[in-house]
Amino acid sequence: MNDSSAICQSCGMPFRQPDDHGTNADGSANQMFCRFCFQQGKFTDEGITLHDKIAKNIAIAVKMGMDRRSAEKMARETLPNLSRWRQG
């Protein structure tokens, strides 16, 4: 079962501990987005396209040791389905 509330709805990062969550403008924890994507009520990469976000996630995953093919597959299959990127 895929619990979408357990991952960032911008980048797909799993929420493993409370401080993984981003912050709202009032400083409270944001339940949808991680600390890397959302701070003080705003996206840290405001204006980025889905295409560029996929490329960014691939680069981060490769830097963390994932092979490029797996990183590409994961990013292309995951990101378009997250609430930030879903069309309609």
PDB file of N, CA and C in Angstrom:
ATOM      1  N   MET A   1       0.847  -1.186   0.000  1.00  0.00           N
ATOM      2  CA  MET A   1       0.000   0.000   0.000  1.00  0.00           C
ATOM      3  C   MET A   1       0.882   1.235   0.000  1.00  0.00           C
ATOM      4  N   ASN A   2       0.583   2.204  -0.854  1.00  0.00           N
ATOM      5  CA  ASN A   2       1.351   3.423  -0.940  1.00  0.00           C
ATOM      6  C   ASN A   2       0.631   4.523  -0.182  1.00  0.00           C
ATOM      7  N   ASP A   3       1.168   4.931   0.948  1.00  0.00           N
ATOM      8  CA  ASP A   3       0.586   5.994   1.753  1.00  0.00           C
ATOM      9  C   ASP A   3       1.224   7.305   1.324  1.00  0.00           C
ATOM     10  N   SER A   4       0.520   8.070   0.488  1.00  0.00           N
ATOM     11  CA  SER A   4       1.090   9.300  -0.053  1.00  0.00           C
ATOM     12  C   SER A   4       1.376  10.326   1.025  1.00  0.00           C
ATOM     13  N   SER A   5       0.753  10.205   2.195  1.00  0.00           N
ATOM     14  CA  SER A   5       1.026  11.157   3.272  1.00  0.00           C
ATOM     15  C   SER A   5       2.389  10.895   3.908  1.00  0.00           C
ATOM     16  N   ALA A   6       3.001   9.773   3.582  1.00  0.00           N
ATOM     17  CA  ALA A   6       4.291   9.426   4.172  1.00  0.00           C
ATOM     18  C   ALA A   6       5.469   9.913   3.336  1.00  0.00           C
ATOM     19  N   ILE A   7       5.174  10.611   2.220  1.00  0.00           N
ATOM     20  CA  ILE A   7       6.246  11.156   1.390  1.00  0.00           C
ATOM     21  C   ILE A   7       5.942  12.603   1.019  1.00  0.00           C
ATOM     22  N   CYS A   8       6.984  13.356   0.739  1.00  0.00           N
ATOM     23  CA  CYS A   8       6.837  14.732   0.284  1.00  0.00           C
ATOM     24  C   CYS A   8       6.093  14.746  -1.040  1.00  0.00           C
ATOM     25  N   GLN A   9       5.093  15.597  -1.138  1.00  0.00           N
ATOM     26  CA  GLN A   9       4.277  15.679  -2.342  1.00  0.00           C
ATOM     27  C   GLN A   9       4.881  16.609  -3.396  1.00  0.00           C
ATOM     28  N   SER A  10       6.168  16.931  -3.209  1.00  0.00           N
ATOM     29  CA  SER A  10       6.908  17.694  -4.210  1.00  0.00           C
ATOM     30  C   SER A  10       8.064  16.884  -4.780  1.00  0.00           C
ATOM     31  N   CYS A  11       8.819  16.197  -3.892  1.00  0.00           N
ATOM     32  CA  CYS A  11      10.014  15.471  -4.350  1.00  0.00           C
ATOM     33  C   CYS A  11       9.970  13.972  -4.118  1.00  0.00           C
ATOM     34  N   GLY A  12       9.058  13.500  -3.269  1.00  0.00           N
ATOM     35  CA  GLY A  12       8.943  12.073  -2.997  1.00  0.00           C
ATOM     36  C   GLY A  12       9.775  11.575  -1.832  1.00  0.00           C
ATOM     37  N   MET A  13      10.465  12.482  -1.131  1.00  0.00           N
ATOM     38  CA  MET A  13      11.276  12.063   0.009  1.00  0.00           C
ATOM     39  C   MET A  13      10.388  11.479   1.102  1.00  0.00           C
ATOM     40  N   PRO A  14      10.765  10.325   1.658  1.00  0.00           N
ATOM     41  CA  PRO A  14       9.974   9.753   2.761  1.00  0.00           C
ATOM     42  C   PRO A  14      10.095  10.603   4.024  1.00  0.00           C
ATOM     43  N   PHE A  15       8.991  10.723   4.757  1.00  0.00           N
ATOM     44  CA  PHE A  15       9.021  11.380   6.066  1.00  0.00           C
ATOM     45  C   PHE A  15       9.349  10.310   7.101  1.00  0.00           C
ATOM     46  N   ARG A  16      10.554  10.351   7.625  1.00  0.00           N
ATOM     47  CA  ARG A  16      10.989   9.349   8.602  1.00  0.00           C
ATOM     48  C   ARG A  16      10.964   9.886  10.024  1.00  0.00           C
ATOM     49  N   GLN A  17      11.074  11.205  10.154  1.00  0.00           N
ATOM     50  CA  GLN A  17      11.041  11.822  11.477  1.00  0.00           C
ATOM     51  C   GLN A  17      10.367  13.183  11.371  1.00  0.00           C
ATOM     52  N   PRO A  18       9.868  13.705  12.495  1.00  0.00           N
ATOM     53  CA  PRO A  18       9.109  14.953  12.440  1.00  0.00           C
ATOM     54  C   PRO A  18       9.834  16.119  11.772  1.00  0.00           C
ATOM     55  N   ASP A  19      11.139  16.229  11.953  1.00  0.00           N
ATOM     56  CA  ASP A  19      11.824  17.381  11.359  1.00  0.00           C
ATOM     57  C   ASP A  19      12.113  17.219   9.869  1.00  0.00           C
ATOM     58  N   ASP A  20      11.641  16.132   9.265  1.00  0.00           N
ATOM     59  CA  ASP A  20      11.724  15.991   7.811  1.00  0.00           C
ATOM     60  C   ASP A  20      10.696  16.891   7.117  1.00  0.00           C
ATOM     61  N   HIS A  21       9.658  17.291   7.843  1.00  0.00           N
ATOM     62  CA  HIS A  21       8.600  18.117   7.271  1.00  0.00           C
ATOM     63  C   HIS A  21       9.052  19.557   7.097  1.00  0.00           C
ATOM     64  N   GLY A  22       8.521  20.191   6.057  1.00  0.00           N
ATOM     65  CA  GLY A  22       8.763  21.612   5.847  1.00  0.00           C
ATOM     66  C   GLY A  22       7.992  22.431   6.854  1.00  0.00           C
ATOM     67  N   THR A  23       8.080  23.751   6.711  1.00  0.00           N
ATOM     68  CA  THR A  23       7.392  24.635   7.650  1.00  0.00           C
ATOM     69  C   THR A  23       6.447  25.582   6.919  1.00  0.00           C
ATOM     70  N   ASN A  24       5.334  25.854   7.573  1.00  0.00           N
ATOM     71  CA  ASN A  24       4.375  26.836   7.081  1.00  0.00           C
ATOM     72  C   ASN A  24       4.868  28.230   7.463  1.00  0.00           C
ATOM     73  N   ALA A  25       4.202  29.257   6.951  1.00  0.00           N
ATOM     74  CA  ALA A  25       4.592  30.637   7.222  1.00  0.00           C
ATOM     75  C   ALA A  25       4.620  30.939   8.724  1.00  0.00           C
ATOM     76  N   ASP A  26       3.738  30.285   9.488  1.00  0.00           N
ATOM     77  CA  ASP A  26       3.687  30.524  10.945  1.00  0.00           C
ATOM     78  C   ASP A  26       4.675  29.653  11.725  1.00  0.00           C
ATOM     79  N   GLY A  27       5.489  28.871  11.013  1.00  0.00           N
ATOM     80  CA  GLY A  27       6.494  28.029  11.658  1.00  0.00           C
ATOM     81  C   GLY A  27       6.025  26.629  11.997  1.00  0.00           C
ATOM     82  N   SER A  28       4.734  26.360  11.830  1.00  0.00           N
ATOM     83  CA  SER A  28       4.223  25.014  12.116  1.00  0.00           C
ATOM     84  C   SER A  28       4.673  24.046  11.022  1.00  0.00           C
ATOM     85  N   ALA A  29       4.638  22.768  11.347  1.00  0.00           N
ATOM     86  CA  ALA A  29       5.056  21.743  10.392  1.00  0.00           C
ATOM     87  C   ALA A  29       4.048  21.635   9.254  1.00  0.00           C
ATOM     88  N   ASN A  30       4.553  21.534   8.045  1.00  0.00           N
ATOM     89  CA  ASN A  30       3.710  21.308   6.872  1.00  0.00           C
ATOM     90  C   ASN A  30       3.642  19.809   6.652  1.00  0.00           C
ATOM     91  N   GLN A  31       2.462  19.270   6.531  1.00  0.00           N
ATOM     92  CA  GLN A  31       2.289  17.822   6.436  1.00  0.00           C
ATOM     93  C   GLN A  31       2.451  17.261   5.027  1.00  0.00           C
ATOM     94  N   MET A  32       2.494  18.136   4.012  1.00  0.00           N
ATOM     95  CA  MET A  32       2.581  17.662   2.633  1.00  0.00           C
ATOM     96  C   MET A  32       3.985  17.710   2.044  1.00  0.00           C
ATOM     97  N   PHE A  33       4.797  18.665   2.487  1.00  0.00           N
ATOM     98  CA  PHE A  33       6.076  18.910   1.833  1.00  0.00           C
ATOM     99  C   PHE A  33       7.246  18.839   2.807  1.00  0.00           C
ATOM    100  N   CYS A  34       8.401  18.400   2.301  1.00  0.00           N
ATOM    101  CA  CYS A  34       9.586  18.221   3.147  1.00  0.00           C
ATOM    102  C   CYS A  34      10.340  19.532   3.371  1.00  0.00           C
ATOM    103  N   ARG A  35      11.292  19.469   4.280  1.00  0.00           N
ATOM    104  CA  ARG A  35      12.081  20.647   4.654  1.00  0.00           C
ATOM    105  C   ARG A  35      12.979  21.136   3.527  1.00  0.00           C
ATOM    106  N   PHE A  36      13.283  20.275   2.572  1.00  0.00           N
ATOM    107  CA  PHE A  36      14.113  20.689   1.444  1.00  0.00           C
ATOM    108  C   PHE A  36      13.292  21.426   0.384  1.00  0.00           C
ATOM    109  N   CYS A  37      12.009  21.103   0.301  1.00  0.00           N
ATOM    110  CA  CYS A  37      11.141  21.689  -0.720  1.00  0.00           C
ATOM    111  C   CYS A  37      10.334  22.889  -0.235  1.00  0.00           C
ATOM    112  N   PHE A  38      10.042  22.955   1.064  1.00  0.00           N
ATOM    113  CA  PHE A  38       9.082  23.945   1.556  1.00  0.00           C
ATOM    114  C   PHE A  38       9.537  24.520   2.881  1.00  0.00           C
ATOM    115  N   GLN A  39       9.793  25.817   2.905  1.00  0.00           N
ATOM    116  CA  GLN A  39      10.228  26.493   4.131  1.00  0.00           C
ATOM    117  C   GLN A  39       9.501  27.816   4.283  1.00  0.00           C
ATOM    118  N   GLN A  40       9.026  28.062   5.503  1.00  0.00           N
ATOM    119  CA  GLN A  40       8.326  29.307   5.839  1.00  0.00           C
ATOM    120  C   GLN A  40       7.180  29.610   4.873  1.00  0.00           C
ATOM    121  N   GLY A  41       6.459  28.547   4.477  1.00  0.00           N
ATOM    122  CA  GLY A  41       5.266  28.704   3.661  1.00  0.00           C
ATOM    123  C   GLY A  41       5.503  28.858   2.174  1.00  0.00           C
ATOM    124  N   LYS A  42       6.742  28.637   1.721  1.00  0.00           N
ATOM    125  CA  LYS A  42       7.050  28.807   0.304  1.00  0.00           C
ATOM    126  C   LYS A  42       7.919  27.651  -0.199  1.00  0.00           C
ATOM    127  N   PHE A  43       7.757  27.341  -1.485  1.00  0.00           N
ATOM    128  CA  PHE A  43       8.630  26.346  -2.090  1.00  0.00           C
ATOM    129  C   PHE A  43      10.031  26.926  -2.227  1.00  0.00           C
ATOM    130  N   THR A  44      11.028  26.143  -1.919  1.00  0.00           N
ATOM    131  CA  THR A  44      12.416  26.596  -2.031  1.00  0.00           C
ATOM    132  C   THR A  44      12.850  26.691  -3.487  1.00  0.00           C
ATOM    133  N   ASP A  45      12.127  26.011  -4.349  1.00  0.00           N
ATOM    134  CA  ASP A  45      12.440  26.030  -5.784  1.00  0.00           C
ATOM    135  C   ASP A  45      11.242  26.544  -6.584  1.00  0.00           C
ATOM    136  N   GLU A  46      10.598  27.575  -6.054  1.00  0.00           N
ATOM    137  CA  GLU A  46       9.409  28.163  -6.685  1.00  0.00           C
ATOM    138  C   GLU A  46       9.670  28.433  -8.163  1.00  0.00           C
ATOM    139  N   GLY A  47       8.725  28.026  -9.001  1.00  0.00           N
ATOM    140  CA  GLY A  47       8.837  28.272 -10.426  1.00  0.00           C
ATOM    141  C   GLY A  47       9.523  27.165 -11.214  1.00  0.00           C
ATOM    142  N   ILE A  48      10.065  26.167 -10.519  1.00  0.00           N
ATOM    143  CA  ILE A  48      10.718  25.053 -11.219  1.00  0.00           C
ATOM    144  C   ILE A  48       9.658  24.248 -11.978  1.00  0.00           C
ATOM    145  N   THR A  49      10.028  23.748 -13.118  1.00  0.00           N
ATOM    146  CA  THR A  49       9.108  22.912 -13.895  1.00  0.00           C
ATOM    147  C   THR A  49       9.228  21.460 -13.439  1.00  0.00           C
ATOM    148  N   LEU A  50       8.242  20.665 -13.770  1.00  0.00           N
ATOM    149  CA  LEU A  50       8.303  19.229 -13.468  1.00  0.00           C
ATOM    150  C   LEU A  50       9.530  18.613 -14.136  1.00  0.00           C
ATOM    151  N   HIS A  51       9.773  18.975 -15.382  1.00  0.00           N
ATOM    152  CA  HIS A  51      10.933  18.460 -16.114  1.00  0.00           C
ATOM    153  C   HIS A  51      12.235  18.764 -15.360  1.00  0.00           C
ATOM    154  N   ASP A  52      12.375  19.998 -14.887  1.00  0.00           N
ATOM    155  CA  ASP A  52      13.587  20.378 -14.163  1.00  0.00           C
ATOM    156  C   ASP A  52      13.662  19.721 -12.786  1.00  0.00           C
ATOM    157  N   LYS A  53      12.510  19.526 -12.144  1.00  0.00           N
ATOM    158  CA  LYS A  53      12.489  18.860 -10.837  1.00  0.00           C
ATOM    159  C   LYS A  53      12.917  17.398 -10.996  1.00  0.00           C
ATOM    160  N   ILE A  54      12.476  16.749 -12.054  1.00  0.00           N
ATOM    161  CA  ILE A  54      12.894  15.373 -12.318  1.00  0.00           C
ATOM    162  C   ILE A  54      14.408  15.320 -12.495  1.00  0.00           C
ATOM    163  N   ALA A  55      14.962  16.236 -13.292  1.00  0.00           N
ATOM    164  CA  ALA A  55      16.415  16.270 -13.508  1.00  0.00           C
ATOM    165  C   ALA A  55      17.156  16.523 -12.194  1.00  0.00           C
ATOM    166  N   LYS A  56      16.613  17.416 -11.377  1.00  0.00           N
ATOM    167  CA  LYS A  56      17.227  17.725 -10.081  1.00  0.00           C
ATOM    168  C   LYS A  56      17.220  16.496  -9.173  1.00  0.00           C
ATOM    169  N   ASN A  57      16.085  15.788  -9.109  1.00  0.00           N
ATOM    170  CA  ASN A  57      16.001  14.590  -8.276  1.00  0.00           C
ATOM    171  C   ASN A  57      16.951  13.495  -8.759  1.00  0.00           C
ATOM    172  N   ILE A  58      17.071  13.342 -10.069  1.00  0.00           N
ATOM    173  CA  ILE A  58      17.997  12.342 -10.616  1.00  0.00           C
ATOM    174  C   ILE A  58      19.420  12.664 -10.184  1.00  0.00           C
ATOM    175  N   ALA A  59      19.816  13.919 -10.313  1.00  0.00           N
ATOM    176  CA  ALA A  59      21.174  14.328  -9.932  1.00  0.00           C
ATOM    177  C   ALA A  59      21.438  14.075  -8.447  1.00  0.00           C
ATOM    178  N   ILE A  60      20.464  14.378  -7.599  1.00  0.00           N
ATOM    179  CA  ILE A  60      20.624  14.157  -6.154  1.00  0.00           C
ATOM    180  C   ILE A  60      20.749  12.662  -5.859  1.00  0.00           C
ATOM    181  N   ALA A  61      19.897  11.844  -6.479  1.00  0.00           N
ATOM    182  CA  ALA A  61      19.937  10.398  -6.248  1.00  0.00           C
ATOM    183  C   ALA A  61      21.264   9.793  -6.695  1.00  0.00           C
ATOM    184  N   VAL A  62      21.762  10.230  -7.843  1.00  0.00           N
ATOM    185  CA  VAL A  62      23.050   9.722  -8.343  1.00  0.00           C
ATOM    186  C   VAL A  62      24.169  10.137  -7.390  1.00  0.00           C
ATOM    187  N   LYS A  63      24.125  11.375  -6.921  1.00  0.00           N
ATOM    188  CA  LYS A  63      25.139  11.861  -5.978  1.00  0.00           C
ATOM    189  C   LYS A  63      25.120  11.045  -4.679  1.00  0.00           C
ATOM    190  N   MET A  64      23.930  10.567  -4.307  1.00  0.00           N
ATOM    191  CA  MET A  64      23.786   9.762  -3.090  1.00  0.00           C
ATOM    192  C   MET A  64      24.132   8.294  -3.319  1.00  0.00           C
ATOM    193  N   GLY A  65      24.489   7.925  -4.563  1.00  0.00           N
ATOM    194  CA  GLY A  65      24.954   6.566  -4.817  1.00  0.00           C
ATOM    195  C   GLY A  65      24.034   5.683  -5.633  1.00  0.00           C
ATOM    196  N   MET A  66      22.879   6.177  -6.033  1.00  0.00           N
ATOM    197  CA  MET A  66      21.969   5.372  -6.850  1.00  0.00           C
ATOM    198  C   MET A  66      22.462   5.382  -8.299  1.00  0.00           C
ATOM    199  N   ASP A  67      22.302   4.258  -8.991  1.00  0.00           N
ATOM    200  CA  ASP A  67      22.708   4.251 -10.399  1.00  0.00           C
ATOM    201  C   ASP A  67      21.729   5.095 -11.207  1.00  0.00           C
ATOM    202  N   ARG A  68      22.228   5.715 -12.271  1.00  0.00           N
ATOM    203  CA  ARG A  68      21.453   6.686 -13.051  1.00  0.00           C
ATOM    204  C   ARG A  68      20.147   6.095 -13.590  1.00  0.00           C
ATOM    205  N   ARG A  69      20.189   4.889 -14.115  1.00  0.00           N
ATOM    206  CA  ARG A  69      18.981   4.291 -14.700  1.00  0.00           C
ATOM    207  C   ARG A  69      17.879   4.137 -13.647  1.00  0.00           C
ATOM    208  N   SER A  70      18.244   3.657 -12.465  1.00  0.00           N
ATOM    209  CA  SER A  70      17.253   3.499 -11.384  1.00  0.00           C
ATOM    210  C   SER A  70      16.726   4.859 -10.926  1.00  0.00           C
ATOM    211  N   ALA A  71      17.619   5.836 -10.845  1.00  0.00           N
ATOM    212  CA  ALA A  71      17.223   7.185 -10.422  1.00  0.00           C
ATOM    213  C   ALA A  71      16.244   7.797 -11.423  1.00  0.00           C
ATOM    214  N   GLU A  72      16.524   7.625 -12.710  1.00  0.00           N
ATOM    215  CA  GLU A  72      15.637   8.153 -13.745  1.00  0.00           C
ATOM    216  C   GLU A  72      14.263   7.485 -13.679  1.00  0.00           C
ATOM    217  N   LYS A  73      14.257   6.172 -13.542  1.00  0.00           N
ATOM    218  CA  LYS A  73      12.998   5.425 -13.485  1.00  0.00           C
ATOM    219  C   LYS A  73      12.162   5.887 -12.286  1.00  0.00           C
ATOM    220  N   MET A  74      12.799   5.978 -11.134  1.00  0.00           N
ATOM    221  CA  MET A  74      12.084   6.370  -9.925  1.00  0.00           C
ATOM    222  C   MET A  74      11.522   7.789 -10.059  1.00  0.00           C
ATOM    223  N   ALA A  75      12.335   8.730 -10.517  1.00  0.00           N
ATOM    224  CA  ALA A  75      11.884  10.121 -10.635  1.00  0.00           C
ATOM    225  C   ALA A  75      10.755  10.260 -11.648  1.00  0.00           C
ATOM    226  N   ARG A  76      10.885   9.614 -12.785  1.00  0.00           N
ATOM    227  CA  ARG A  76       9.870   9.741 -13.843  1.00  0.00           C
ATOM    228  C   ARG A  76       8.550   9.061 -13.478  1.00  0.00           C
ATOM    229  N   GLU A  77       8.620   8.024 -12.644  1.00  0.00           N
ATOM    230  CA  GLU A  77       7.398   7.330 -12.240  1.00  0.00           C
ATOM    231  C   GLU A  77       6.745   7.956 -11.017  1.00  0.00           C
ATOM    232  N   THR A  78       7.543   8.581 -10.153  1.00  0.00           N
ATOM    233  CA  THR A  78       7.027   9.108  -8.895  1.00  0.00           C
ATOM    234  C   THR A  78       6.548  10.549  -8.985  1.00  0.00           C
ATOM    235  N   LEU A  79       7.393  11.442  -9.465  1.00  0.00           N
ATOM    236  CA  LEU A  79       7.079  12.864  -9.393  1.00  0.00           C
ATOM    237  C   LEU A  79       5.781  13.277 -10.073  1.00  0.00           C
ATOM    238  N   PRO A  80       5.487  12.821 -11.292  1.00  0.00           N
ATOM    239  CA  PRO A  80       4.248  13.280 -11.937  1.00  0.00           C
ATOM    240  C   PRO A  80       2.981  12.920 -11.164  1.00  0.00           C
ATOM    241  N   ASN A  81       3.070  11.963 -10.250  1.00  0.00           N
ATOM    242  CA  ASN A  81       1.911  11.529  -9.471  1.00  0.00           C
ATOM    243  C   ASN A  81       1.764  12.237  -8.131  1.00  0.00           C
ATOM    244  N   LEU A  82       2.714  13.084  -7.788  1.00  0.00           N
ATOM    245  CA  LEU A  82       2.645  13.808  -6.516  1.00  0.00           C
ATOM    246  C   LEU A  82       1.744  15.029  -6.666  1.00  0.00           C
ATOM    247  N   SER A  83       1.127  15.444  -5.557  1.00  0.00           N
ATOM    248  CA  SER A  83       0.099  16.497  -5.644  1.00  0.00           C
ATOM    249  C   SER A  83       0.626  17.804  -6.236  1.00  0.00           C
ATOM    250  N   ARG A  84       1.883  18.168  -5.993  1.00  0.00           N
ATOM    251  CA  ARG A  84       2.403  19.412  -6.549  1.00  0.00           C
ATOM    252  C   ARG A  84       2.407  19.392  -8.076  1.00  0.00           C
ATOM    253  N   TRP A  85       2.589  18.230  -8.660  1.00  0.00           N
ATOM    254  CA  TRP A  85       2.801  18.119 -10.105  1.00  0.00           C
ATOM    255  C   TRP A  85       1.606  17.565 -10.874  1.00  0.00           C
ATOM    256  N   ARG A  86       0.638  17.004 -10.163  1.00  0.00           N
ATOM    257  CA  ARG A  86      -0.526  16.413 -10.834  1.00  0.00           C
ATOM    258  C   ARG A  86      -1.289  17.468 -11.609  1.00  0.00           C
ATOM    259  N   GLN A  87      -1.605  17.161 -12.829  1.00  0.00           N
ATOM    260  CA  GLN A  87      -2.364  18.101 -13.667  1.00  0.00           C
ATOM    261  C   GLN A  87      -3.855  17.896 -13.437  1.00  0.00           C
ATOM    262  N   GLY A  88      -4.584  19.008 -13.483  1.00  0.00           N
ATOM    263  CA  GLY A  88      -6.041  18.921 -13.341  1.00  0.00           C
ATOM    264  C   GLY A  88      -6.423  18.999 -11.924  1.00  0.00           C
TER     265      GLY A  88
END
